[in-house]
N, C-alpha and C. Protein backbone atom coordinates (compact mmCIF):
# COMPACT_ATOMS: atom_id res chain seq x y z
N MET A 1 142.53 88.73 134.86
CA MET A 1 141.75 89.20 136.24
C MET A 1 140.53 88.70 135.08
N SER A 2 139.53 88.31 135.97
CA SER A 2 138.19 88.24 135.73
C SER A 2 137.51 89.51 135.90
N ALA A 3 135.87 89.75 134.74
CA ALA A 3 135.84 90.69 135.28
C ALA A 3 134.75 90.57 136.51
N SER A 4 134.57 91.77 136.71
CA SER A 4 133.48 91.75 138.12
C SER A 4 132.22 91.69 137.70
N ARG A 5 131.20 91.10 138.20
CA ARG A 5 130.01 90.74 137.35
C ARG A 5 129.03 91.02 138.89
N LEU A 6 127.68 91.26 138.48
CA LEU A 6 126.46 91.17 138.93
C LEU A 6 125.46 89.88 138.94
N ASP A 7 124.69 89.40 139.78
CA ASP A 7 123.88 88.73 139.68
C ASP A 7 122.04 89.31 140.73
N ALA A 8 121.23 89.52 139.81
CA ALA A 8 120.12 89.76 140.23
C ALA A 8 119.13 87.83 140.65
N ASP A 9 118.67 88.22 141.06
CA ASP A 9 117.47 87.11 141.86
C ASP A 9 116.19 87.84 141.73
N ARG A 10 115.32 86.86 140.69
CA ARG A 10 114.01 88.21 140.47
C ARG A 10 113.45 87.20 141.43
N GLU A 11 113.26 85.65 141.64
CA GLU A 11 113.06 85.46 142.76
C GLU A 11 112.77 85.86 144.01
N ARG A 12 113.87 86.53 144.79
CA ARG A 12 114.29 87.05 145.84
C ARG A 12 113.10 88.28 146.28
N CYS A 13 113.38 89.43 144.72
CA CYS A 13 113.51 90.55 144.79
C CYS A 13 111.67 90.71 144.96
N ILE A 14 111.48 92.09 145.70
CA ILE A 14 110.39 92.19 146.03
C ILE A 14 109.94 93.38 145.46
N GLY A 15 110.45 94.12 144.40
CA GLY A 15 110.33 95.08 143.07
C GLY A 15 110.66 96.50 144.47
N ALA A 16 111.45 96.50 145.59
CA ALA A 16 111.18 98.18 145.97
C ALA A 16 111.95 99.49 145.22
N GLY A 17 112.62 98.91 143.99
CA GLY A 17 113.25 100.01 143.24
C GLY A 17 114.43 100.45 144.11
N MET A 18 115.25 99.97 144.92
CA MET A 18 116.46 101.15 145.63
C MET A 18 117.07 100.75 144.62
N CYS A 19 117.55 99.87 144.07
CA CYS A 19 118.47 99.41 142.97
C CYS A 19 118.53 100.61 142.07
N ALA A 20 117.23 100.44 141.29
CA ALA A 20 116.89 101.25 140.11
C ALA A 20 117.15 102.58 140.83
N MET A 21 116.94 102.96 141.83
CA MET A 21 117.15 104.28 142.11
C MET A 21 118.38 104.79 142.45
N THR A 22 119.20 103.90 142.85
CA THR A 22 120.58 104.46 143.17
C THR A 22 121.71 103.96 142.20
N ALA A 23 121.60 102.84 141.41
CA ALA A 23 121.88 102.65 140.15
C ALA A 23 121.76 102.80 138.63
N PRO A 24 120.09 103.61 138.49
CA PRO A 24 120.16 104.08 136.98
C PRO A 24 120.35 103.51 135.32
N GLU A 25 121.98 103.34 135.81
CA GLU A 25 122.58 103.18 134.61
C GLU A 25 122.68 101.69 134.76
N VAL A 26 122.73 101.17 135.50
CA VAL A 26 123.09 99.45 135.82
C VAL A 26 121.69 99.11 136.00
N PHE A 27 120.51 99.17 136.87
CA PHE A 27 119.25 98.58 136.76
C PHE A 27 118.48 99.11 136.29
N ASP A 28 117.15 98.26 136.18
CA ASP A 28 115.54 98.97 136.27
C ASP A 28 114.50 98.03 136.73
N GLN A 29 113.45 98.33 136.52
CA GLN A 29 112.54 97.69 137.01
C GLN A 29 111.55 97.04 135.97
N ASP A 30 111.42 96.04 135.72
CA ASP A 30 110.33 95.20 134.75
C ASP A 30 109.23 96.51 135.01
N PRO A 31 108.03 96.91 133.63
CA PRO A 31 107.35 97.50 133.98
C PRO A 31 106.08 96.39 134.22
N ASP A 32 106.11 95.12 134.02
CA ASP A 32 104.90 94.20 134.14
C ASP A 32 104.91 93.91 135.70
N ASP A 33 106.09 93.81 136.38
CA ASP A 33 105.65 93.35 138.10
C ASP A 33 106.69 94.02 138.59
N GLY A 34 107.22 95.02 138.28
CA GLY A 34 108.21 95.76 139.22
C GLY A 34 109.79 95.04 139.34
N LEU A 35 109.80 93.81 138.65
CA LEU A 35 110.87 93.08 139.54
C LEU A 35 111.91 93.74 138.95
N VAL A 36 113.14 93.61 139.62
CA VAL A 36 114.63 94.18 139.16
C VAL A 36 115.23 93.62 137.43
N LEU A 37 115.83 94.50 136.79
CA LEU A 37 116.18 94.04 135.60
C LEU A 37 117.59 94.83 135.86
N LEU A 38 118.59 93.77 134.93
CA LEU A 38 119.82 94.11 135.13
C LEU A 38 120.39 94.35 133.92
N LEU A 39 120.60 95.81 133.64
CA LEU A 39 121.16 96.43 132.03
C LEU A 39 122.56 96.03 131.78
N HIS A 40 122.97 95.91 133.11
CA HIS A 40 124.32 95.57 132.98
C HIS A 40 125.01 94.54 134.17
N ALA A 41 125.30 93.01 133.59
CA ALA A 41 125.83 92.10 133.91
C ALA A 41 127.10 92.89 134.86
N GLU A 42 128.23 93.49 134.12
CA GLU A 42 129.55 93.14 134.06
C GLU A 42 129.32 95.00 133.89
N PRO A 43 129.33 95.81 135.25
CA PRO A 43 129.03 97.25 135.18
C PRO A 43 130.45 98.14 134.82
N PRO A 44 130.52 99.11 134.20
CA PRO A 44 131.66 99.55 133.89
C PRO A 44 132.49 100.24 135.03
N ALA A 45 133.82 100.75 135.53
CA ALA A 45 134.19 100.72 136.58
C ALA A 45 133.39 102.32 137.13
N ALA A 46 133.13 103.48 136.28
CA ALA A 46 132.27 104.42 136.82
C ALA A 46 131.28 104.07 137.53
N HIS A 47 130.84 102.73 137.50
CA HIS A 47 129.19 102.71 138.13
C HIS A 47 129.52 101.88 139.61
N ARG A 48 130.74 101.36 139.27
CA ARG A 48 130.79 100.41 140.66
C ARG A 48 130.78 100.79 142.07
N ALA A 49 130.91 102.35 142.13
CA ALA A 49 130.39 102.79 143.63
C ALA A 49 129.06 103.10 144.23
N ALA A 50 127.94 103.11 142.89
CA ALA A 50 126.50 103.18 142.85
C ALA A 50 126.33 101.83 143.24
N VAL A 51 126.73 100.34 142.67
CA VAL A 51 126.55 99.12 142.17
C VAL A 51 126.40 98.82 143.71
N ARG A 52 127.79 99.19 144.45
CA ARG A 52 127.95 98.40 145.80
C ARG A 52 126.83 99.41 146.89
N MET A 53 126.77 100.20 146.31
CA MET A 53 125.42 101.06 147.44
C MET A 53 123.89 100.01 147.46
N ALA A 54 123.86 100.08 145.67
CA ALA A 54 122.50 99.64 145.54
C ALA A 54 122.31 98.49 146.08
N VAL A 55 123.38 97.08 146.12
CA VAL A 55 123.73 96.29 147.10
C VAL A 55 123.12 96.35 148.02
N ASP A 56 123.87 97.45 148.83
CA ASP A 56 123.56 97.61 150.45
C ASP A 56 122.46 97.99 150.64
N VAL A 57 121.69 98.70 149.80
CA VAL A 57 120.26 99.26 150.09
C VAL A 57 119.42 98.30 149.93
N CYS A 58 119.67 96.37 149.16
CA CYS A 58 118.56 96.22 148.46
C CYS A 58 117.97 95.36 149.56
N PRO A 59 116.76 96.09 149.83
CA PRO A 59 116.06 94.85 150.84
C PRO A 59 115.81 94.03 150.92
N SER A 60 116.27 93.01 149.89
CA SER A 60 115.62 91.61 150.29
C SER A 60 116.77 90.87 149.56
N GLY A 61 118.05 91.58 149.22
CA GLY A 61 119.45 90.86 149.29
C GLY A 61 119.44 90.53 148.12
N ALA A 62 118.85 90.73 146.89
CA ALA A 62 118.21 90.16 145.97
C ALA A 62 119.38 90.37 144.47
N ILE A 63 120.20 91.47 144.72
CA ILE A 63 121.21 91.01 144.12
C ILE A 63 122.88 91.02 144.57
N ARG A 64 123.50 90.61 144.28
CA ARG A 64 124.96 90.43 144.44
C ARG A 64 126.05 90.96 143.43
N PHE A 65 127.31 90.89 144.01
CA PHE A 65 127.90 91.62 142.78
C PHE A 65 129.48 90.91 143.55
N HIS A 66 129.96 90.50 142.67
CA HIS A 66 131.09 89.77 142.85
C HIS A 66 132.10 90.56 141.59
N GLU A 67 133.48 91.23 142.72
CA GLU A 67 134.11 92.29 142.42
C GLU A 67 134.87 91.49 142.05
N ALA A 68 136.22 91.61 140.80
CA ALA A 68 137.21 90.92 139.77
C ALA A 68 138.47 91.64 141.39
N ALA A 69 139.43 90.92 141.64
CA ALA A 69 139.92 91.16 142.11
C ALA A 69 141.10 91.89 141.50
N PRO A 70 142.03 92.83 142.07
CA PRO A 70 142.86 93.66 141.68
C PRO A 70 144.10 92.97 140.85
N ASP A 71 144.90 93.31 140.00
CA ASP A 71 145.83 92.55 139.14
C ASP A 71 146.45 92.13 140.24
N GLY A 72 147.53 91.23 140.26
CA GLY A 72 148.69 90.20 141.19
C GLY A 72 148.03 90.27 142.72
N PHE A 73 146.56 89.98 142.94
CA PHE A 73 146.03 89.17 144.03
C PHE A 73 145.40 87.90 143.87
């Protein structure tokens, strides 16, 4: 099974900060331009619900979560 992973498109990001507020263990904002910073490209299972919510609330669609399929699928 491959690991779940995140992608953050800084070109698409508008700096709203919803990801950092929703999942601060996984996302931050660049202090210079306010754009998304990815702290964990392969988030631990304990943070995946917050990651999914952050993806859903991102107004620009700048973050994508590629979730690994469970074993046997």
